[in-house]
Amino acid sequence: MFGRHTYISYFSIGEKKLRRLAEEHTGDFAVINGNRYLIIRTKFEQFLLETSTI
């Protein structure tokens, strides 16, 4: 699991869009730790492969 700043540069997705995706898909590829969203990389990569647009 990585924080959103790692994913912004890794996947070239904006911070607001990434946070919105994490909020909408909590339990799928994102988990909440306190007030932070953590993204599970393997599940997020699978989500991106299956999604045509974000």
PDB file of N, CA and C in Angstrom:
ATOM      1  N   MET A   1       0.836  -1.168   0.000  1.00  0.00           N
ATOM      2  CA  MET A   1       0.000   0.000   0.000  1.00  0.00           C
ATOM      3  C   MET A   1       0.885   1.236   0.000  1.00  0.00           C
ATOM      4  N   PHE A   2       0.475   2.186  -0.782  1.00  0.00           N
ATOM      5  CA  PHE A   2       1.200   3.437  -0.871  1.00  0.00           C
ATOM      6  C   PHE A   2       0.237   4.590  -0.669  1.00  0.00           C
ATOM      7  N   GLY A   3       0.768   5.729  -0.290  1.00  0.00           N
ATOM      8  CA  GLY A   3      -0.037   6.935  -0.182  1.00  0.00           C
ATOM      9  C   GLY A   3      -0.279   7.545  -1.549  1.00  0.00           C
ATOM     10  N   ARG A   4      -1.148   8.512  -1.598  1.00  0.00           N
ATOM     11  CA  ARG A   4      -1.564   9.078  -2.887  1.00  0.00           C
ATOM     12  C   ARG A   4      -0.443   9.793  -3.616  1.00  0.00           C
ATOM     13  N   HIS A   5       0.524  10.387  -2.907  1.00  0.00           N
ATOM     14  CA  HIS A   5       1.598  11.126  -3.584  1.00  0.00           C
ATOM     15  C   HIS A   5       2.451  10.207  -4.444  1.00  0.00           C
ATOM     16  N   THR A   6       2.630   8.983  -4.017  1.00  0.00           N
ATOM     17  CA  THR A   6       3.377   8.012  -4.809  1.00  0.00           C
ATOM     18  C   THR A   6       2.628   7.710  -6.097  1.00  0.00           C
ATOM     19  N   TYR A   7       1.309   7.586  -6.010  1.00  0.00           N
ATOM     20  CA  TYR A   7       0.510   7.237  -7.176  1.00  0.00           C
ATOM     21  C   TYR A   7       0.345   8.382  -8.153  1.00  0.00           C
ATOM     22  N   ILE A   8       0.404   9.594  -7.681  1.00  0.00           N
ATOM     23  CA  ILE A   8       0.281  10.743  -8.578  1.00  0.00           C
ATOM     24  C   ILE A   8       1.388  10.712  -9.617  1.00  0.00           C
ATOM     25  N   SER A   9       2.598  10.447  -9.197  1.00  0.00           N
ATOM     26  CA  SER A   9       3.712  10.398 -10.142  1.00  0.00           C
ATOM     27  C   SER A   9       3.768   9.056 -10.867  1.00  0.00           C
ATOM     28  N   TYR A  10       3.380   7.978 -10.206  1.00  0.00           N
ATOM     29  CA  TYR A  10       3.480   6.639 -10.787  1.00  0.00           C
ATOM     30  C   TYR A  10       2.472   6.434 -11.916  1.00  0.00           C
ATOM     31  N   PHE A  11       1.242   6.922 -11.747  1.00  0.00           N
ATOM     32  CA  PHE A  11       0.187   6.707 -12.731  1.00  0.00           C
ATOM     33  C   PHE A  11      -0.199   7.969 -13.501  1.00  0.00           C
ATOM     34  N   SER A  12       0.402   9.089 -13.208  1.00  0.00           N
ATOM     35  CA  SER A  12       0.092  10.364 -13.865  1.00  0.00           C
ATOM     36  C   SER A  12      -1.392  10.726 -13.750  1.00  0.00           C
ATOM     37  N   ILE A  13      -1.919  10.577 -12.544  1.00  0.00           N
ATOM     38  CA  ILE A  13      -3.301  10.950 -12.244  1.00  0.00           C
ATOM     39  C   ILE A  13      -3.241  12.098 -11.248  1.00  0.00           C
ATOM     40  N   GLY A  14      -4.082  13.086 -11.435  1.00  0.00           N
ATOM     41  CA  GLY A  14      -4.094  14.234 -10.548  1.00  0.00           C
ATOM     42  C   GLY A  14      -4.511  13.881  -9.132  1.00  0.00           C
ATOM     43  N   GLU A  15      -4.082  14.703  -8.193  1.00  0.00           N
ATOM     44  CA  GLU A  15      -4.341  14.436  -6.780  1.00  0.00           C
ATOM     45  C   GLU A  15      -5.836  14.433  -6.463  1.00  0.00           C
ATOM     46  N   LYS A  16      -6.590  15.401  -6.988  1.00  0.00           N
ATOM     47  CA  LYS A  16      -8.025  15.456  -6.708  1.00  0.00           C
ATOM     48  C   LYS A  16      -8.745  14.251  -7.295  1.00  0.00           C
ATOM     49  N   LYS A  17      -8.385  13.876  -8.493  1.00  0.00           N
ATOM     50  CA  LYS A  17      -9.013  12.721  -9.135  1.00  0.00           C
ATOM     51  C   LYS A  17      -8.681  11.436  -8.379  1.00  0.00           C
ATOM     52  N   LEU A  18      -7.449  11.298  -7.946  1.00  0.00           N
ATOM     53  CA  LEU A  18      -7.039  10.110  -7.212  1.00  0.00           C
ATOM     54  C   LEU A  18      -7.762  10.015  -5.876  1.00  0.00           C
ATOM     55  N   ARG A  19      -7.894  11.129  -5.190  1.00  0.00           N
ATOM     56  CA  ARG A  19      -8.615  11.127  -3.915  1.00  0.00           C
ATOM     57  C   ARG A  19     -10.083  10.778  -4.131  1.00  0.00           C
ATOM     58  N   ARG A  20     -10.703  11.322  -5.173  1.00  0.00           N
ATOM     59  CA  ARG A  20     -12.093  11.022  -5.476  1.00  0.00           C
ATOM     60  C   ARG A  20     -12.274   9.528  -5.784  1.00  0.00           C
ATOM     61  N   LEU A  21     -11.348   8.960  -6.555  1.00  0.00           N
ATOM     62  CA  LEU A  21     -11.404   7.529  -6.850  1.00  0.00           C
ATOM     63  C   LEU A  21     -11.292   6.695  -5.573  1.00  0.00           C
ATOM     64  N   ALA A  22     -10.390   7.079  -4.679  1.00  0.00           N
ATOM     65  CA  ALA A  22     -10.210   6.361  -3.422  1.00  0.00           C
ATOM     66  C   ALA A  22     -11.472   6.451  -2.563  1.00  0.00           C
ATOM     67  N   GLU A  23     -12.099   7.622  -2.527  1.00  0.00           N
ATOM     68  CA  GLU A  23     -13.322   7.778  -1.742  1.00  0.00           C
ATOM     69  C   GLU A  23     -14.452   6.931  -2.303  1.00  0.00           C
ATOM     70  N   GLU A  24     -14.557   6.867  -3.633  1.00  0.00           N
ATOM     71  CA  GLU A  24     -15.633   6.123  -4.276  1.00  0.00           C
ATOM     72  C   GLU A  24     -15.416   4.614  -4.220  1.00  0.00           C
ATOM     73  N   HIS A  25     -14.177   4.173  -4.104  1.00  0.00           N
ATOM     74  CA  HIS A  25     -13.871   2.747  -4.173  1.00  0.00           C
ATOM     75  C   HIS A  25     -13.205   2.228  -2.898  1.00  0.00           C
ATOM     76  N   THR A  26     -13.593   2.796  -1.763  1.00  0.00           N
ATOM     77  CA  THR A  26     -13.087   2.302  -0.486  1.00  0.00           C
ATOM     78  C   THR A  26     -13.560   0.864  -0.312  1.00  0.00           C
ATOM     79  N   GLY A  27     -12.641  -0.013  -0.035  1.00  0.00           N
ATOM     80  CA  GLY A  27     -12.963  -1.426   0.093  1.00  0.00           C
ATOM     81  C   GLY A  27     -12.586  -2.209  -1.151  1.00  0.00           C
ATOM     82  N   ASP A  28     -12.586  -1.551  -2.310  1.00  0.00           N
ATOM     83  CA  ASP A  28     -12.183  -2.215  -3.551  1.00  0.00           C
ATOM     84  C   ASP A  28     -10.659  -2.196  -3.676  1.00  0.00           C
ATOM     85  N   PHE A  29     -10.087  -1.002  -3.745  1.00  0.00           N
ATOM     86  CA  PHE A  29      -8.630  -0.874  -3.827  1.00  0.00           C
ATOM     87  C   PHE A  29      -8.086   0.171  -2.867  1.00  0.00           C
ATOM     88  N   ALA A  30      -8.940   0.777  -2.075  1.00  0.00           N
ATOM     89  CA  ALA A  30      -8.507   1.811  -1.133  1.00  0.00           C
ATOM     90  C   ALA A  30      -8.991   1.462   0.275  1.00  0.00           C
ATOM     91  N   VAL A  31      -8.183   1.798   1.257  1.00  0.00           N
ATOM     92  CA  VAL A  31      -8.555   1.637   2.660  1.00  0.00           C
ATOM     93  C   VAL A  31      -8.286   2.957   3.373  1.00  0.00           C
ATOM     94  N   ILE A  32      -8.983   3.155   4.471  1.00  0.00           N
ATOM     95  CA  ILE A  32      -8.819   4.380   5.252  1.00  0.00           C
ATOM     96  C   ILE A  32      -8.014   4.053   6.497  1.00  0.00           C
ATOM     97  N   ASN A  33      -7.003   4.863   6.759  1.00  0.00           N
ATOM     98  CA  ASN A  33      -6.199   4.743   7.975  1.00  0.00           C
ATOM     99  C   ASN A  33      -6.218   6.113   8.642  1.00  0.00           C
ATOM    100  N   GLY A  34      -7.070   6.267   9.633  1.00  0.00           N
ATOM    101  CA  GLY A  34      -7.240   7.581  10.265  1.00  0.00           C
ATOM    102  C   GLY A  34      -7.964   8.504   9.305  1.00  0.00           C
ATOM    103  N   ASN A  35      -7.306   9.562   8.874  1.00  0.00           N
ATOM    104  CA  ASN A  35      -7.906  10.468   7.895  1.00  0.00           C
ATOM    105  C   ASN A  35      -7.225  10.344   6.533  1.00  0.00           C
ATOM    106  N   ARG A  36      -6.467   9.281   6.324  1.00  0.00           N
ATOM    107  CA  ARG A  36      -5.735   9.087   5.069  1.00  0.00           C
ATOM    108  C   ARG A  36      -6.271   7.886   4.313  1.00  0.00           C
ATOM    109  N   TYR A  37      -6.294   8.019   3.007  1.00  0.00           N
ATOM    110  CA  TYR A  37      -6.642   6.904   2.142  1.00  0.00           C
ATOM    111  C   TYR A  37      -5.355   6.242   1.668  1.00  0.00           C
ATOM    112  N   LEU A  38      -5.302   4.936   1.784  1.00  0.00           N
ATOM    113  CA  LEU A  38      -4.177   4.168   1.270  1.00  0.00           C
ATOM    114  C   LEU A  38      -4.691   3.311   0.127  1.00  0.00           C
ATOM    115  N   ILE A  39      -3.896   3.185  -0.913  1.00  0.00           N
ATOM    116  CA  ILE A  39      -4.304   2.468  -2.107  1.00  0.00           C
ATOM    117  C   ILE A  39      -3.495   1.180  -2.210  1.00  0.00           C
ATOM    118  N   ILE A  40      -4.187   0.086  -2.462  1.00  0.00           N
ATOM    119  CA  ILE A  40      -3.540  -1.205  -2.661  1.00  0.00           C
ATOM    120  C   ILE A  40      -3.158  -1.283  -4.133  1.00  0.00           C
ATOM    121  N   ARG A  41      -1.856  -1.257  -4.408  1.00  0.00           N
ATOM    122  CA  ARG A  41      -1.351  -1.095  -5.768  1.00  0.00           C
ATOM    123  C   ARG A  41      -1.850  -2.166  -6.720  1.00  0.00           C
ATOM    124  N   THR A  42      -1.778  -3.434  -6.343  1.00  0.00           N
ATOM    125  CA  THR A  42      -2.171  -4.497  -7.274  1.00  0.00           C
ATOM    126  C   THR A  42      -3.643  -4.400  -7.644  1.00  0.00           C
ATOM    127  N   LYS A  43      -4.487  -4.097  -6.669  1.00  0.00           N
ATOM    128  CA  LYS A  43      -5.916  -3.947  -6.950  1.00  0.00           C
ATOM    129  C   LYS A  43      -6.189  -2.683  -7.759  1.00  0.00           C
ATOM    130  N   PHE A  44      -5.436  -1.617  -7.501  1.00  0.00           N
ATOM    131  CA  PHE A  44      -5.614  -0.380  -8.256  1.00  0.00           C
ATOM    132  C   PHE A  44      -5.178  -0.566  -9.711  1.00  0.00           C
ATOM    133  N   GLU A  45      -4.075  -1.275  -9.920  1.00  0.00           N
ATOM    134  CA  GLU A  45      -3.629  -1.551 -11.287  1.00  0.00           C
ATOM    135  C   GLU A  45      -4.665  -2.378 -12.032  1.00  0.00           C
ATOM    136  N   GLN A  46      -5.259  -3.364 -11.370  1.00  0.00           N
ATOM    137  CA  GLN A  46      -6.308  -4.172 -11.997  1.00  0.00           C
ATOM    138  C   GLN A  46      -7.519  -3.310 -12.322  1.00  0.00           C
ATOM    139  N   PHE A  47      -7.877  -2.404 -11.426  1.00  0.00           N
ATOM    140  CA  PHE A  47      -8.992  -1.483 -11.669  1.00  0.00           C
ATOM    141  C   PHE A  47      -8.713  -0.634 -12.909  1.00  0.00           C
ATOM    142  N   LEU A  48      -7.502  -0.122 -13.051  1.00  0.00           N
ATOM    143  CA  LEU A  48      -7.158   0.702 -14.212  1.00  0.00           C
ATOM    144  C   LEU A  48      -7.191  -0.111 -15.509  1.00  0.00           C
ATOM    145  N   LEU A  49      -6.786  -1.358 -15.446  1.00  0.00           N
ATOM    146  CA  LEU A  49      -6.829  -2.212 -16.643  1.00  0.00           C
ATOM    147  C   LEU A  49      -8.252  -2.500 -17.079  1.00  0.00           C
ATOM    148  N   GLU A  50      -9.160  -2.627 -16.121  1.00  0.00           N
ATOM    149  CA  GLU A  50     -10.544  -2.961 -16.432  1.00  0.00           C
ATOM    150  C   GLU A  50     -11.385  -1.737 -16.776  1.00  0.00           C
ATOM    151  N   THR A  51     -10.918  -0.549 -16.461  1.00  0.00           N
ATOM    152  CA  THR A  51     -11.679   0.679 -16.669  1.00  0.00           C
ATOM    153  C   THR A  51     -11.204   1.371 -17.942  1.00  0.00           C
ATOM    154  N   SER A  52     -12.159   1.739 -18.786  1.00  0.00           N
ATOM    155  CA  SER A  52     -11.772   2.406 -20.035  1.00  0.00           C
ATOM    156  C   SER A  52     -11.518   3.904 -19.818  1.00  0.00           C
ATOM    157  N   THR A  53     -12.277   4.534 -18.918  1.00  0.00           N
ATOM    158  CA  THR A  53     -12.061   5.953 -18.602  1.00  0.00           C
ATOM    159  C   THR A  53     -12.165   6.139 -17.090  1.00  0.00           C
ATOM    160  N   ILE A  54     -11.461   7.155 -16.591  1.00  0.00           N
ATOM    161  CA  ILE A  54     -11.572   7.467 -15.165  1.00  0.00           C
ATOM    162  C   ILE A  54     -11.946   8.913 -14.995  1.00  0.00           C
TER     163      ILE A  54
END
